N, C-alpha and C. Protein backbone atom coordinates (compact mmCIF):
# COMPACT_ATOMS: atom_id res chain seq x y z
N UNK A 1 3.06 -36.89 -178.03
CA UNK A 1 1.97 -36.77 -177.05
C UNK A 1 2.46 -35.96 -175.86
N UNK A 2 1.63 -35.06 -175.37
CA UNK A 2 1.98 -34.23 -174.23
C UNK A 2 1.26 -34.72 -172.98
N UNK A 3 1.99 -34.87 -171.89
CA UNK A 3 1.42 -35.33 -170.64
C UNK A 3 1.59 -34.25 -169.59
N UNK A 4 0.54 -33.95 -168.87
CA UNK A 4 0.59 -32.94 -167.83
C UNK A 4 0.82 -33.59 -166.48
N UNK A 5 1.83 -33.11 -165.76
CA UNK A 5 2.10 -33.58 -164.41
C UNK A 5 1.41 -32.64 -163.43
N UNK A 6 0.54 -33.18 -162.59
CA UNK A 6 -0.21 -32.35 -161.66
C UNK A 6 0.66 -31.79 -160.54
N UNK A 7 1.70 -32.53 -160.14
CA UNK A 7 2.57 -32.11 -159.05
C UNK A 7 4.01 -32.42 -159.45
N UNK A 8 4.59 -31.67 -160.39
CA UNK A 8 5.89 -32.02 -160.96
C UNK A 8 7.04 -32.08 -159.98
N UNK A 9 6.97 -31.29 -158.89
CA UNK A 9 8.04 -31.34 -157.89
C UNK A 9 7.64 -32.16 -156.67
N UNK A 10 6.46 -32.77 -156.72
CA UNK A 10 5.98 -33.63 -155.63
C UNK A 10 5.95 -32.87 -154.30
N UNK A 11 5.58 -31.61 -154.35
CA UNK A 11 5.62 -30.75 -153.17
C UNK A 11 4.55 -31.09 -152.14
N UNK A 12 3.56 -31.90 -152.53
CA UNK A 12 2.49 -32.27 -151.59
C UNK A 12 2.67 -33.67 -151.03
N UNK A 13 3.76 -34.34 -151.41
CA UNK A 13 3.95 -35.74 -151.02
C UNK A 13 4.85 -35.85 -149.79
N UNK A 14 4.41 -36.60 -148.81
CA UNK A 14 5.22 -36.90 -147.64
C UNK A 14 6.07 -38.13 -147.93
N UNK A 15 7.05 -38.39 -147.09
CA UNK A 15 7.81 -39.64 -147.12
C UNK A 15 7.31 -40.51 -145.96
N UNK A 16 7.75 -41.76 -145.87
CA UNK A 16 7.20 -42.64 -144.81
C UNK A 16 7.30 -42.08 -143.40
N UNK A 17 8.36 -41.31 -143.10
CA UNK A 17 8.56 -40.85 -141.73
C UNK A 17 8.60 -39.34 -141.56
N UNK A 18 8.44 -38.60 -142.66
CA UNK A 18 8.46 -37.13 -142.60
C UNK A 18 7.25 -36.61 -143.37
N UNK A 19 6.43 -35.82 -142.73
CA UNK A 19 5.35 -35.16 -143.44
C UNK A 19 5.86 -33.88 -144.09
N UNK A 20 5.13 -33.41 -145.08
CA UNK A 20 5.52 -32.16 -145.74
C UNK A 20 5.58 -31.02 -144.74
N UNK A 21 4.65 -31.03 -143.79
CA UNK A 21 4.60 -29.97 -142.79
C UNK A 21 5.81 -30.00 -141.86
N UNK A 22 6.37 -31.16 -141.61
CA UNK A 22 7.52 -31.29 -140.72
C UNK A 22 8.84 -30.94 -141.40
N UNK A 23 8.89 -31.02 -142.71
CA UNK A 23 10.15 -30.91 -143.43
C UNK A 23 10.72 -29.50 -143.37
N UNK A 24 12.04 -29.43 -143.17
CA UNK A 24 12.77 -28.17 -143.26
C UNK A 24 13.23 -27.90 -144.69
N UNK A 25 13.27 -28.96 -145.49
CA UNK A 25 13.65 -28.83 -146.90
C UNK A 25 12.92 -29.88 -147.70
N UNK A 26 12.34 -29.46 -148.84
CA UNK A 26 11.67 -30.38 -149.75
C UNK A 26 12.24 -30.17 -151.15
N UNK A 27 12.58 -31.27 -151.82
CA UNK A 27 13.12 -31.22 -153.17
C UNK A 27 12.44 -32.31 -153.98
N UNK A 28 12.14 -32.07 -155.25
CA UNK A 28 11.51 -33.12 -156.03
C UNK A 28 11.53 -32.83 -157.52
N UNK A 29 11.29 -33.87 -158.29
CA UNK A 29 11.20 -33.76 -159.74
C UNK A 29 10.41 -34.95 -160.26
N UNK A 30 9.84 -34.80 -161.44
CA UNK A 30 9.06 -35.87 -162.06
C UNK A 30 9.20 -35.80 -163.57
N UNK A 31 8.90 -36.92 -164.22
CA UNK A 31 8.90 -36.95 -165.68
C UNK A 31 8.07 -38.13 -166.15
N UNK A 32 7.56 -38.03 -167.33
CA UNK A 32 6.96 -39.18 -168.00
C UNK A 32 8.00 -39.73 -168.97
N UNK A 33 8.30 -41.00 -168.83
CA UNK A 33 9.35 -41.64 -169.63
C UNK A 33 8.71 -42.67 -170.56
N UNK A 34 9.10 -42.65 -171.80
CA UNK A 34 8.53 -43.53 -172.80
C UNK A 34 9.17 -44.92 -172.72
N UNK A 35 8.82 -45.63 -171.66
CA UNK A 35 9.29 -46.99 -171.44
C UNK A 35 8.42 -47.61 -170.35
N UNK A 36 8.29 -48.92 -170.32
CA UNK A 36 7.51 -49.56 -169.27
C UNK A 36 8.18 -49.42 -167.91
N UNK A 37 7.39 -49.46 -166.86
CA UNK A 37 7.91 -49.27 -165.50
C UNK A 37 9.00 -50.28 -165.16
N UNK A 38 8.86 -51.51 -165.64
CA UNK A 38 9.83 -52.54 -165.31
C UNK A 38 11.21 -52.23 -165.89
N UNK A 39 11.22 -51.63 -167.07
CA UNK A 39 12.49 -51.27 -167.70
C UNK A 39 13.17 -50.14 -166.94
N UNK A 40 12.40 -49.14 -166.56
CA UNK A 40 12.95 -48.02 -165.81
C UNK A 40 13.47 -48.50 -164.46
N UNK A 41 12.70 -49.37 -163.81
CA UNK A 41 13.08 -49.91 -162.50
C UNK A 41 14.41 -50.65 -162.59
N UNK A 42 14.60 -51.45 -163.62
CA UNK A 42 15.84 -52.22 -163.77
C UNK A 42 17.05 -51.29 -163.86
N UNK A 43 16.91 -50.17 -164.56
CA UNK A 43 18.02 -49.24 -164.71
C UNK A 43 18.25 -48.45 -163.42
N UNK A 44 17.17 -47.97 -162.81
CA UNK A 44 17.30 -47.17 -161.60
C UNK A 44 17.92 -47.95 -160.45
N UNK A 45 17.56 -49.21 -160.31
CA UNK A 45 18.02 -50.00 -159.16
C UNK A 45 19.32 -50.76 -159.43
N UNK A 46 19.87 -50.63 -160.63
CA UNK A 46 21.16 -51.24 -160.96
C UNK A 46 22.20 -50.12 -160.98
N UNK A 47 22.93 -49.96 -159.89
CA UNK A 47 23.85 -48.83 -159.78
C UNK A 47 25.05 -48.94 -160.73
N UNK A 48 25.24 -50.11 -161.34
CA UNK A 48 26.33 -50.23 -162.32
C UNK A 48 26.03 -49.42 -163.57
N UNK A 49 24.75 -49.05 -163.80
CA UNK A 49 24.40 -48.23 -164.95
C UNK A 49 24.58 -46.75 -164.68
N UNK A 50 24.69 -46.36 -163.43
CA UNK A 50 24.67 -44.93 -163.09
C UNK A 50 25.79 -44.12 -163.73
N UNK A 51 27.02 -44.64 -163.87
CA UNK A 51 28.05 -43.84 -164.53
C UNK A 51 27.69 -43.48 -165.97
N UNK A 52 26.77 -44.24 -166.58
CA UNK A 52 26.37 -43.99 -167.96
C UNK A 52 25.36 -42.86 -168.09
N UNK A 53 24.62 -42.57 -167.01
CA UNK A 53 23.55 -41.58 -167.16
C UNK A 53 23.47 -40.57 -166.02
N UNK A 54 23.91 -40.91 -164.83
CA UNK A 54 23.65 -40.07 -163.67
C UNK A 54 24.81 -39.10 -163.42
N UNK A 55 24.68 -37.88 -163.91
CA UNK A 55 25.76 -36.91 -163.73
C UNK A 55 25.81 -36.34 -162.31
N UNK A 56 24.70 -36.41 -161.58
CA UNK A 56 24.64 -35.94 -160.20
C UNK A 56 25.32 -36.93 -159.25
N UNK A 57 25.02 -38.22 -159.43
CA UNK A 57 25.64 -39.28 -158.61
C UNK A 57 26.22 -40.32 -159.58
N UNK A 58 27.39 -40.04 -160.14
CA UNK A 58 27.94 -40.93 -161.16
C UNK A 58 28.58 -42.21 -160.61
N UNK A 59 28.68 -42.30 -159.27
CA UNK A 59 29.30 -43.51 -158.70
C UNK A 59 28.67 -43.82 -157.36
N UNK A 60 28.43 -45.11 -157.15
CA UNK A 60 27.85 -45.60 -155.89
C UNK A 60 28.71 -46.75 -155.39
N UNK A 61 29.03 -46.74 -154.11
CA UNK A 61 29.70 -47.87 -153.48
C UNK A 61 28.68 -48.61 -152.62
N UNK A 62 28.44 -49.87 -152.94
CA UNK A 62 27.58 -50.70 -152.11
C UNK A 62 28.42 -51.21 -150.94
N UNK A 63 28.04 -50.82 -149.72
CA UNK A 63 28.81 -51.21 -148.55
C UNK A 63 28.39 -52.58 -148.01
N UNK A 64 27.09 -52.89 -148.12
CA UNK A 64 26.61 -54.19 -147.66
C UNK A 64 25.19 -54.42 -148.16
N UNK A 65 24.85 -55.71 -148.27
CA UNK A 65 23.48 -56.15 -148.50
C UNK A 65 23.06 -56.98 -147.29
N UNK A 66 21.77 -57.02 -146.96
CA UNK A 66 21.34 -57.75 -145.76
C UNK A 66 21.51 -59.26 -145.85
N UNK A 67 21.61 -59.80 -147.07
CA UNK A 67 21.65 -61.25 -147.23
C UNK A 67 23.01 -61.74 -147.72
N UNK A 68 24.05 -60.93 -147.59
CA UNK A 68 25.39 -61.34 -148.00
C UNK A 68 26.38 -61.02 -146.90
N UNK A 69 27.50 -61.72 -146.92
CA UNK A 69 28.54 -61.51 -145.91
C UNK A 69 29.87 -61.13 -146.55
N UNK A 70 29.83 -60.70 -147.81
CA UNK A 70 31.07 -60.35 -148.50
C UNK A 70 31.75 -59.17 -147.82
N UNK A 71 33.04 -59.27 -147.64
CA UNK A 71 33.79 -58.19 -147.02
C UNK A 71 34.37 -57.23 -148.06
N UNK A 72 34.57 -57.72 -149.27
CA UNK A 72 35.11 -56.91 -150.35
C UNK A 72 33.94 -56.25 -151.08
N UNK A 73 33.83 -54.91 -151.02
CA UNK A 73 32.69 -54.24 -151.63
C UNK A 73 32.64 -54.44 -153.14
N UNK A 74 33.79 -54.76 -153.76
CA UNK A 74 33.81 -54.94 -155.20
C UNK A 74 33.10 -56.23 -155.62
N UNK A 75 32.90 -57.15 -154.70
CA UNK A 75 32.22 -58.41 -155.04
C UNK A 75 30.72 -58.35 -154.77
N UNK A 76 30.25 -57.27 -154.19
CA UNK A 76 28.83 -57.15 -153.89
C UNK A 76 28.04 -56.77 -155.15
N UNK A 77 26.83 -57.29 -155.27
CA UNK A 77 25.98 -56.96 -156.40
C UNK A 77 25.70 -55.46 -156.44
N UNK A 78 25.71 -54.85 -157.62
CA UNK A 78 25.40 -53.42 -157.73
C UNK A 78 23.91 -53.13 -157.65
N UNK A 79 23.10 -54.16 -157.59
CA UNK A 79 21.64 -53.97 -157.58
C UNK A 79 21.14 -53.70 -156.17
N UNK A 80 20.33 -52.66 -156.07
CA UNK A 80 19.78 -52.28 -154.78
C UNK A 80 18.70 -53.27 -154.35
N UNK A 81 18.51 -53.36 -153.05
CA UNK A 81 17.45 -54.18 -152.46
C UNK A 81 17.15 -53.60 -151.07
N UNK A 82 16.11 -54.07 -150.45
CA UNK A 82 15.80 -53.57 -149.12
C UNK A 82 16.92 -53.94 -148.16
N UNK A 83 17.40 -52.95 -147.42
CA UNK A 83 18.49 -53.17 -146.48
C UNK A 83 19.86 -52.87 -147.03
N UNK A 84 19.97 -52.58 -148.33
CA UNK A 84 21.27 -52.22 -148.89
C UNK A 84 21.81 -50.95 -148.25
N UNK A 85 23.07 -50.99 -147.84
CA UNK A 85 23.75 -49.80 -147.32
C UNK A 85 24.75 -49.35 -148.38
N UNK A 86 24.74 -48.07 -148.69
CA UNK A 86 25.50 -47.58 -149.83
C UNK A 86 26.04 -46.19 -149.58
N UNK A 87 27.05 -45.83 -150.36
CA UNK A 87 27.61 -44.48 -150.33
C UNK A 87 27.43 -43.86 -151.70
N UNK A 88 26.73 -42.73 -151.75
CA UNK A 88 26.64 -41.95 -152.97
C UNK A 88 27.86 -41.03 -153.04
N UNK A 89 28.56 -41.04 -154.16
CA UNK A 89 29.66 -40.12 -154.40
C UNK A 89 29.12 -38.99 -155.28
N UNK A 90 28.69 -37.92 -154.63
CA UNK A 90 27.86 -36.88 -155.25
C UNK A 90 28.72 -35.79 -155.88
N UNK A 91 28.33 -35.37 -157.08
CA UNK A 91 28.91 -34.20 -157.73
C UNK A 91 27.89 -33.07 -157.63
N UNK A 92 28.15 -32.09 -156.79
CA UNK A 92 27.21 -31.00 -156.60
C UNK A 92 27.16 -30.05 -157.80
N UNK A 93 28.21 -30.08 -158.62
CA UNK A 93 28.23 -29.26 -159.85
C UNK A 93 28.38 -30.19 -161.06
N UNK A 94 27.36 -30.99 -161.33
CA UNK A 94 27.50 -32.05 -162.33
C UNK A 94 27.72 -31.57 -163.75
N UNK A 95 27.33 -30.35 -164.07
CA UNK A 95 27.51 -29.86 -165.44
C UNK A 95 28.84 -29.14 -165.63
N UNK A 96 29.62 -29.00 -164.56
CA UNK A 96 30.91 -28.31 -164.66
C UNK A 96 31.96 -29.22 -165.30
N UNK A 97 32.82 -28.62 -166.09
CA UNK A 97 33.91 -29.37 -166.72
C UNK A 97 35.18 -29.32 -165.86
N UNK A 98 35.12 -28.58 -164.76
CA UNK A 98 36.28 -28.48 -163.88
C UNK A 98 36.34 -29.68 -162.94
N UNK A 99 37.55 -30.10 -162.54
CA UNK A 99 37.66 -31.20 -161.57
C UNK A 99 36.96 -30.82 -160.27
N UNK A 100 36.29 -31.78 -159.65
CA UNK A 100 35.62 -31.51 -158.39
C UNK A 100 35.71 -32.74 -157.50
N UNK A 101 35.73 -32.49 -156.21
CA UNK A 101 35.79 -33.56 -155.22
C UNK A 101 34.38 -34.04 -154.92
N UNK A 102 34.18 -35.34 -154.97
CA UNK A 102 32.86 -35.90 -154.69
C UNK A 102 32.53 -35.77 -153.21
N UNK A 103 31.29 -35.50 -152.90
CA UNK A 103 30.79 -35.47 -151.52
C UNK A 103 30.14 -36.80 -151.23
N UNK A 104 30.62 -37.49 -150.20
CA UNK A 104 30.10 -38.81 -149.86
C UNK A 104 28.87 -38.69 -148.96
N UNK A 105 27.81 -39.40 -149.34
CA UNK A 105 26.57 -39.41 -148.58
C UNK A 105 26.22 -40.86 -148.25
N UNK A 106 26.04 -41.16 -146.97
CA UNK A 106 25.78 -42.52 -146.52
C UNK A 106 24.27 -42.77 -146.43
N UNK A 107 23.80 -43.85 -147.06
CA UNK A 107 22.37 -44.10 -147.16
C UNK A 107 22.07 -45.58 -146.96
N UNK A 108 20.81 -45.88 -146.63
CA UNK A 108 20.34 -47.26 -146.51
C UNK A 108 18.95 -47.34 -147.12
N UNK A 109 18.68 -48.42 -147.87
CA UNK A 109 17.37 -48.64 -148.50
C UNK A 109 16.42 -49.22 -147.47
N UNK A 110 15.28 -48.56 -147.26
CA UNK A 110 14.33 -48.99 -146.25
C UNK A 110 13.04 -49.56 -146.83
N UNK A 111 12.82 -49.33 -148.11
CA UNK A 111 11.60 -49.84 -148.75
C UNK A 111 11.94 -50.19 -150.19
N UNK A 112 11.43 -51.32 -150.67
CA UNK A 112 11.78 -51.78 -152.01
C UNK A 112 10.64 -52.64 -152.54
N UNK A 113 9.86 -52.09 -153.45
CA UNK A 113 8.74 -52.82 -154.06
C UNK A 113 8.85 -52.67 -155.57
N UNK A 114 9.14 -53.76 -156.26
CA UNK A 114 9.28 -53.72 -157.71
C UNK A 114 7.92 -53.54 -158.38
N UNK A 115 7.85 -52.84 -159.51
CA UNK A 115 6.58 -52.68 -160.21
C UNK A 115 6.09 -54.02 -160.77
N UNK A 116 4.78 -54.18 -160.78
CA UNK A 116 4.17 -55.38 -161.32
C UNK A 116 2.99 -54.96 -162.19
N UNK A 117 3.20 -54.83 -163.51
CA UNK A 117 2.13 -54.37 -164.39
C UNK A 117 0.89 -55.27 -164.36
N UNK A 118 1.07 -56.55 -164.09
CA UNK A 118 -0.07 -57.47 -164.10
C UNK A 118 -1.06 -57.16 -162.98
N UNK A 119 -0.56 -56.59 -161.87
CA UNK A 119 -1.44 -56.22 -160.76
C UNK A 119 -1.54 -54.70 -160.60
N UNK A 120 -0.92 -53.97 -161.54
CA UNK A 120 -0.90 -52.51 -161.51
C UNK A 120 -0.22 -51.96 -160.25
N UNK A 121 0.74 -52.72 -159.75
CA UNK A 121 1.50 -52.28 -158.58
C UNK A 121 2.63 -51.37 -159.03
N UNK A 122 2.69 -50.13 -158.53
CA UNK A 122 3.80 -49.24 -158.92
C UNK A 122 5.09 -49.65 -158.25
N UNK A 123 6.21 -49.31 -158.86
CA UNK A 123 7.50 -49.51 -158.22
C UNK A 123 7.75 -48.42 -157.20
N UNK A 124 8.39 -48.79 -156.09
CA UNK A 124 8.66 -47.80 -155.04
C UNK A 124 9.92 -48.20 -154.29
N UNK A 125 10.87 -47.27 -154.23
CA UNK A 125 12.08 -47.49 -153.46
C UNK A 125 12.32 -46.26 -152.59
N UNK A 126 12.69 -46.50 -151.34
CA UNK A 126 12.96 -45.43 -150.39
C UNK A 126 14.35 -45.64 -149.81
N UNK A 127 15.16 -44.58 -149.78
CA UNK A 127 16.42 -44.65 -149.04
C UNK A 127 16.51 -43.45 -148.11
N UNK A 128 17.23 -43.67 -147.01
CA UNK A 128 17.30 -42.65 -145.96
C UNK A 128 18.75 -42.46 -145.54
N UNK A 129 19.00 -41.35 -144.84
CA UNK A 129 20.33 -41.10 -144.30
C UNK A 129 20.68 -42.21 -143.30
N UNK A 130 21.88 -42.76 -143.45
CA UNK A 130 22.32 -43.87 -142.60
C UNK A 130 23.11 -43.32 -141.41
N UNK A 131 22.42 -43.15 -140.30
CA UNK A 131 23.04 -42.57 -139.11
C UNK A 131 24.11 -43.48 -138.51
N UNK A 132 24.05 -44.79 -138.80
CA UNK A 132 25.00 -45.74 -138.23
C UNK A 132 26.29 -45.85 -139.03
N UNK A 133 26.34 -45.25 -140.20
CA UNK A 133 27.53 -45.34 -141.04
C UNK A 133 28.60 -44.36 -140.58
N UNK A 134 29.88 -44.66 -140.84
CA UNK A 134 30.93 -43.69 -140.52
C UNK A 134 30.65 -42.36 -141.22
N UNK A 135 30.70 -41.28 -140.46
CA UNK A 135 30.41 -39.98 -141.04
C UNK A 135 28.94 -39.63 -141.06
N UNK A 136 28.08 -40.55 -140.59
CA UNK A 136 26.65 -40.27 -140.57
C UNK A 136 26.28 -39.29 -139.47
N UNK A 137 25.13 -38.64 -139.64
CA UNK A 137 24.68 -37.64 -138.68
C UNK A 137 23.58 -38.21 -137.78
N UNK A 138 23.53 -37.71 -136.55
CA UNK A 138 22.41 -38.04 -135.69
C UNK A 138 21.13 -37.49 -136.33
N UNK A 139 20.02 -38.25 -136.25
CA UNK A 139 18.78 -37.79 -136.88
C UNK A 139 18.33 -36.40 -136.43
N UNK A 140 18.66 -36.03 -135.18
CA UNK A 140 18.26 -34.70 -134.71
C UNK A 140 19.01 -33.59 -135.43
N UNK A 141 20.21 -33.93 -135.97
CA UNK A 141 20.99 -32.95 -136.71
C UNK A 141 20.58 -32.92 -138.17
N UNK A 142 20.47 -34.10 -138.79
CA UNK A 142 20.07 -34.17 -140.19
C UNK A 142 19.50 -35.55 -140.48
N UNK A 143 18.26 -35.57 -140.94
CA UNK A 143 17.62 -36.81 -141.37
C UNK A 143 16.99 -36.56 -142.73
N UNK A 144 17.36 -37.35 -143.71
CA UNK A 144 16.84 -37.20 -145.06
C UNK A 144 16.19 -38.50 -145.51
N UNK A 145 15.08 -38.38 -146.20
CA UNK A 145 14.35 -39.55 -146.68
C UNK A 145 13.90 -39.26 -148.11
N UNK A 146 14.23 -40.18 -149.00
CA UNK A 146 13.97 -39.97 -150.43
C UNK A 146 13.14 -41.11 -151.00
N UNK A 147 12.19 -40.75 -151.85
CA UNK A 147 11.28 -41.72 -152.44
C UNK A 147 11.34 -41.64 -153.97
N UNK A 148 11.39 -42.80 -154.61
CA UNK A 148 11.17 -42.91 -156.05
C UNK A 148 9.92 -43.75 -156.26
N UNK A 149 9.01 -43.27 -157.07
CA UNK A 149 7.86 -44.06 -157.49
C UNK A 149 7.82 -44.13 -159.01
N UNK A 150 7.48 -45.31 -159.54
CA UNK A 150 7.38 -45.50 -160.98
C UNK A 150 6.01 -46.09 -161.25
N UNK A 151 5.17 -45.31 -161.94
CA UNK A 151 3.77 -45.68 -162.13
C UNK A 151 3.47 -45.75 -163.62
N UNK A 152 3.01 -46.89 -164.10
CA UNK A 152 2.61 -47.00 -165.50
C UNK A 152 1.42 -46.09 -165.77
N UNK A 153 1.41 -45.45 -166.94
CA UNK A 153 0.32 -44.56 -167.31
C UNK A 153 -0.33 -45.04 -168.60
N UNK A 154 -1.57 -44.61 -168.80
CA UNK A 154 -2.33 -44.95 -170.01
C UNK A 154 -2.54 -46.44 -170.17
N UNK A 155 -2.40 -47.19 -169.09
CA UNK A 155 -2.66 -48.62 -169.17
C UNK A 155 -1.61 -49.42 -169.89
N UNK A 156 -0.47 -48.80 -170.22
CA UNK A 156 0.58 -49.50 -170.96
C UNK A 156 1.72 -49.84 -170.00
N UNK A 157 1.69 -51.03 -169.44
CA UNK A 157 2.70 -51.39 -168.48
C UNK A 157 3.74 -52.35 -169.01
N UNK A 158 3.51 -52.88 -170.19
CA UNK A 158 4.43 -53.87 -170.73
C UNK A 158 4.71 -53.54 -172.19
N UNK A 159 5.85 -54.04 -172.66
CA UNK A 159 6.17 -53.89 -174.06
C UNK A 159 6.89 -52.58 -174.36
N UNK A 160 7.34 -52.46 -175.61
CA UNK A 160 8.13 -51.31 -176.01
C UNK A 160 7.32 -50.03 -175.94
N UNK A 161 6.00 -50.11 -176.14
CA UNK A 161 5.18 -48.92 -176.17
C UNK A 161 4.75 -48.41 -174.83
N UNK A 162 5.24 -48.99 -173.74
CA UNK A 162 4.82 -48.56 -172.42
C UNK A 162 5.30 -47.17 -172.07
N UNK A 163 4.59 -46.53 -171.13
CA UNK A 163 5.00 -45.23 -170.61
C UNK A 163 4.80 -45.27 -169.11
N UNK A 164 5.62 -44.51 -168.40
CA UNK A 164 5.50 -44.48 -166.94
C UNK A 164 5.84 -43.09 -166.42
N UNK A 165 5.14 -42.70 -165.36
CA UNK A 165 5.49 -41.47 -164.65
C UNK A 165 6.47 -41.83 -163.53
N UNK A 166 7.58 -41.14 -163.51
CA UNK A 166 8.61 -41.37 -162.49
C UNK A 166 8.62 -40.17 -161.55
N UNK A 167 8.44 -40.43 -160.27
CA UNK A 167 8.41 -39.37 -159.25
C UNK A 167 9.61 -39.54 -158.33
N UNK A 168 10.21 -38.44 -157.97
CA UNK A 168 11.46 -38.47 -157.21
C UNK A 168 11.42 -37.29 -156.24
N UNK A 169 11.36 -37.57 -154.93
CA UNK A 169 11.32 -36.45 -153.98
C UNK A 169 12.02 -36.81 -152.68
N UNK A 170 12.49 -35.78 -152.00
CA UNK A 170 13.22 -35.95 -150.75
C UNK A 170 12.77 -34.88 -149.75
N UNK A 171 12.62 -35.31 -148.50
CA UNK A 171 12.34 -34.40 -147.40
C UNK A 171 13.48 -34.51 -146.39
N UNK A 172 13.82 -33.38 -145.76
CA UNK A 172 14.88 -33.36 -144.76
C UNK A 172 14.41 -32.64 -143.51
N UNK A 173 14.85 -33.13 -142.35
CA UNK A 173 14.59 -32.46 -141.08
C UNK A 173 15.90 -32.41 -140.28
N UNK A 174 15.93 -31.57 -139.27
CA UNK A 174 17.11 -31.47 -138.40
C UNK A 174 17.72 -30.09 -138.44
N UNK A 175 18.52 -29.80 -137.42
CA UNK A 175 19.11 -28.47 -137.27
C UNK A 175 20.04 -28.11 -138.42
N UNK A 176 20.78 -29.10 -138.94
CA UNK A 176 21.75 -28.80 -140.00
C UNK A 176 21.09 -28.52 -141.34
N UNK A 177 19.82 -28.87 -141.47
CA UNK A 177 19.15 -28.70 -142.76
C UNK A 177 19.05 -27.22 -143.13
N UNK A 178 18.96 -26.35 -142.14
CA UNK A 178 18.92 -24.91 -142.45
C UNK A 178 20.20 -24.48 -143.15
N UNK A 179 21.33 -25.05 -142.71
CA UNK A 179 22.60 -24.76 -143.37
C UNK A 179 22.64 -25.37 -144.77
N UNK A 180 22.17 -26.62 -144.88
CA UNK A 180 22.12 -27.28 -146.20
C UNK A 180 21.26 -26.47 -147.16
N UNK A 181 20.12 -26.02 -146.68
CA UNK A 181 19.20 -25.25 -147.53
C UNK A 181 19.84 -23.95 -147.99
N UNK A 182 20.55 -23.28 -147.08
CA UNK A 182 21.19 -22.00 -147.41
C UNK A 182 22.33 -22.20 -148.41
N UNK A 183 23.14 -23.24 -148.18
CA UNK A 183 24.33 -23.45 -149.01
C UNK A 183 24.02 -24.15 -150.32
N UNK A 184 23.11 -25.13 -150.29
CA UNK A 184 22.94 -26.01 -151.44
C UNK A 184 21.50 -26.13 -151.96
N UNK A 185 20.56 -25.40 -151.37
CA UNK A 185 19.16 -25.57 -151.75
C UNK A 185 18.92 -25.43 -153.24
N UNK A 186 19.41 -24.35 -153.85
CA UNK A 186 19.20 -24.12 -155.28
C UNK A 186 19.89 -25.19 -156.13
N UNK A 187 21.10 -25.57 -155.72
CA UNK A 187 21.83 -26.60 -156.47
C UNK A 187 21.11 -27.94 -156.39
N UNK A 188 20.62 -28.28 -155.21
CA UNK A 188 19.93 -29.57 -155.06
C UNK A 188 18.68 -29.61 -155.94
N UNK A 189 17.93 -28.53 -155.99
CA UNK A 189 16.74 -28.51 -156.83
C UNK A 189 17.10 -28.68 -158.30
N UNK A 190 18.16 -28.00 -158.72
CA UNK A 190 18.63 -28.15 -160.09
C UNK A 190 19.08 -29.59 -160.36
N UNK A 191 19.80 -30.17 -159.40
CA UNK A 191 20.35 -31.50 -159.61
C UNK A 191 19.27 -32.58 -159.58
N UNK A 192 18.21 -32.37 -158.83
CA UNK A 192 17.10 -33.32 -158.87
C UNK A 192 16.42 -33.29 -160.24
N UNK A 193 16.28 -32.11 -160.82
CA UNK A 193 15.74 -32.02 -162.17
C UNK A 193 16.68 -32.68 -163.17
N UNK A 194 17.97 -32.48 -162.97
CA UNK A 194 18.96 -33.08 -163.87
C UNK A 194 18.94 -34.59 -163.75
N UNK A 195 18.80 -35.11 -162.52
CA UNK A 195 18.70 -36.56 -162.30
C UNK A 195 17.58 -37.13 -163.17
N UNK A 196 16.42 -36.47 -163.17
CA UNK A 196 15.29 -36.98 -163.91
C UNK A 196 15.48 -36.88 -165.42
N UNK A 197 16.02 -35.75 -165.88
CA UNK A 197 16.24 -35.60 -167.32
C UNK A 197 17.32 -36.57 -167.80
N UNK A 198 18.35 -36.81 -166.98
CA UNK A 198 19.37 -37.79 -167.33
C UNK A 198 18.78 -39.19 -167.45
N UNK A 199 17.95 -39.56 -166.47
CA UNK A 199 17.33 -40.88 -166.49
C UNK A 199 16.42 -41.04 -167.70
N UNK A 200 15.62 -40.03 -167.98
CA UNK A 200 14.71 -40.05 -169.12
C UNK A 200 15.46 -40.23 -170.43
N UNK A 201 16.53 -39.44 -170.60
CA UNK A 201 17.30 -39.50 -171.84
C UNK A 201 17.94 -40.88 -172.02
N UNK A 202 18.49 -41.42 -170.94
CA UNK A 202 19.17 -42.71 -171.02
C UNK A 202 18.18 -43.85 -171.29
N UNK A 203 17.08 -43.88 -170.54
CA UNK A 203 16.10 -44.96 -170.71
C UNK A 203 15.50 -44.93 -172.10
N UNK A 204 15.10 -43.75 -172.54
CA UNK A 204 14.47 -43.66 -173.86
C UNK A 204 15.46 -43.93 -174.97
N UNK A 205 16.73 -43.59 -174.75
CA UNK A 205 17.74 -43.94 -175.74
C UNK A 205 17.93 -45.44 -175.85
N UNK A 206 17.94 -46.14 -174.70
CA UNK A 206 18.03 -47.58 -174.69
C UNK A 206 16.77 -48.21 -175.26
N UNK A 207 15.63 -47.58 -174.97
CA UNK A 207 14.34 -48.11 -175.40
C UNK A 207 14.15 -47.94 -176.88
N UNK A 208 14.76 -46.87 -177.45
CA UNK A 208 14.57 -46.61 -178.86
C UNK A 208 13.30 -45.85 -179.15
N UNK A 209 12.67 -45.31 -178.06
CA UNK A 209 11.43 -44.57 -178.25
C UNK A 209 11.70 -43.09 -178.41
N UNK A 210 10.67 -42.37 -178.83
CA UNK A 210 10.80 -40.93 -178.99
C UNK A 210 10.61 -40.24 -177.65
N UNK A 211 11.24 -39.08 -177.50
CA UNK A 211 11.10 -38.34 -176.27
C UNK A 211 9.71 -37.75 -176.15
N UNK A 212 9.15 -37.81 -174.96
CA UNK A 212 7.84 -37.23 -174.71
C UNK A 212 8.02 -35.85 -174.11
N UNK A 213 7.16 -34.94 -174.47
CA UNK A 213 7.20 -33.64 -173.80
C UNK A 213 6.34 -33.70 -172.55
N UNK A 214 6.80 -33.01 -171.51
CA UNK A 214 6.10 -33.02 -170.23
C UNK A 214 5.83 -31.57 -169.85
N UNK A 215 4.59 -31.26 -169.53
CA UNK A 215 4.19 -29.92 -169.18
C UNK A 215 3.88 -29.87 -167.70
N UNK A 216 4.57 -28.97 -166.95
CA UNK A 216 4.32 -28.85 -165.51
C UNK A 216 2.98 -28.14 -165.28
């Protein structure tokens, strides 16, 4: 079955605190994945699975959760929640076979709503640049906000036969974004597409379903 995405790069979507018109940089990708939204959500929000599928961000360090006081990051749950502070260890050249140094990006989860097929509630998680973390930037220099939405399609929200549209987009503002756009804009767009194709391949492989074609 072929599904048409009306806005495959989510170029018309704002984030909670940045409108499309305000953004100095917009990046996005989308896919229809042959799995129910709840299954996709479980994989996306469990960072312990990321080394298995996410070539762009193959490792995440959870620095803190709002409801825990653990000092050893290795004892913290790998599952994201609202208020989680984390470090993405990013590979800007994820398809390269050459050794590369990971770029650390400090983030905090500001919105977290799990999908609920019984009420047709889509899943939604938002993370933003953590200005309070070591190495973080002042918002006037660089502020990034990223949204994932997982929406069941065709009325199939539960069971093996479910399908969901996964949307992934980020907006950035600040003086440094012009430099980011010049140096990494093309790579970031490629890597956002890779993030989605990696997630699709992994989820559908676990699901045992056939790959769906998606037409932009």
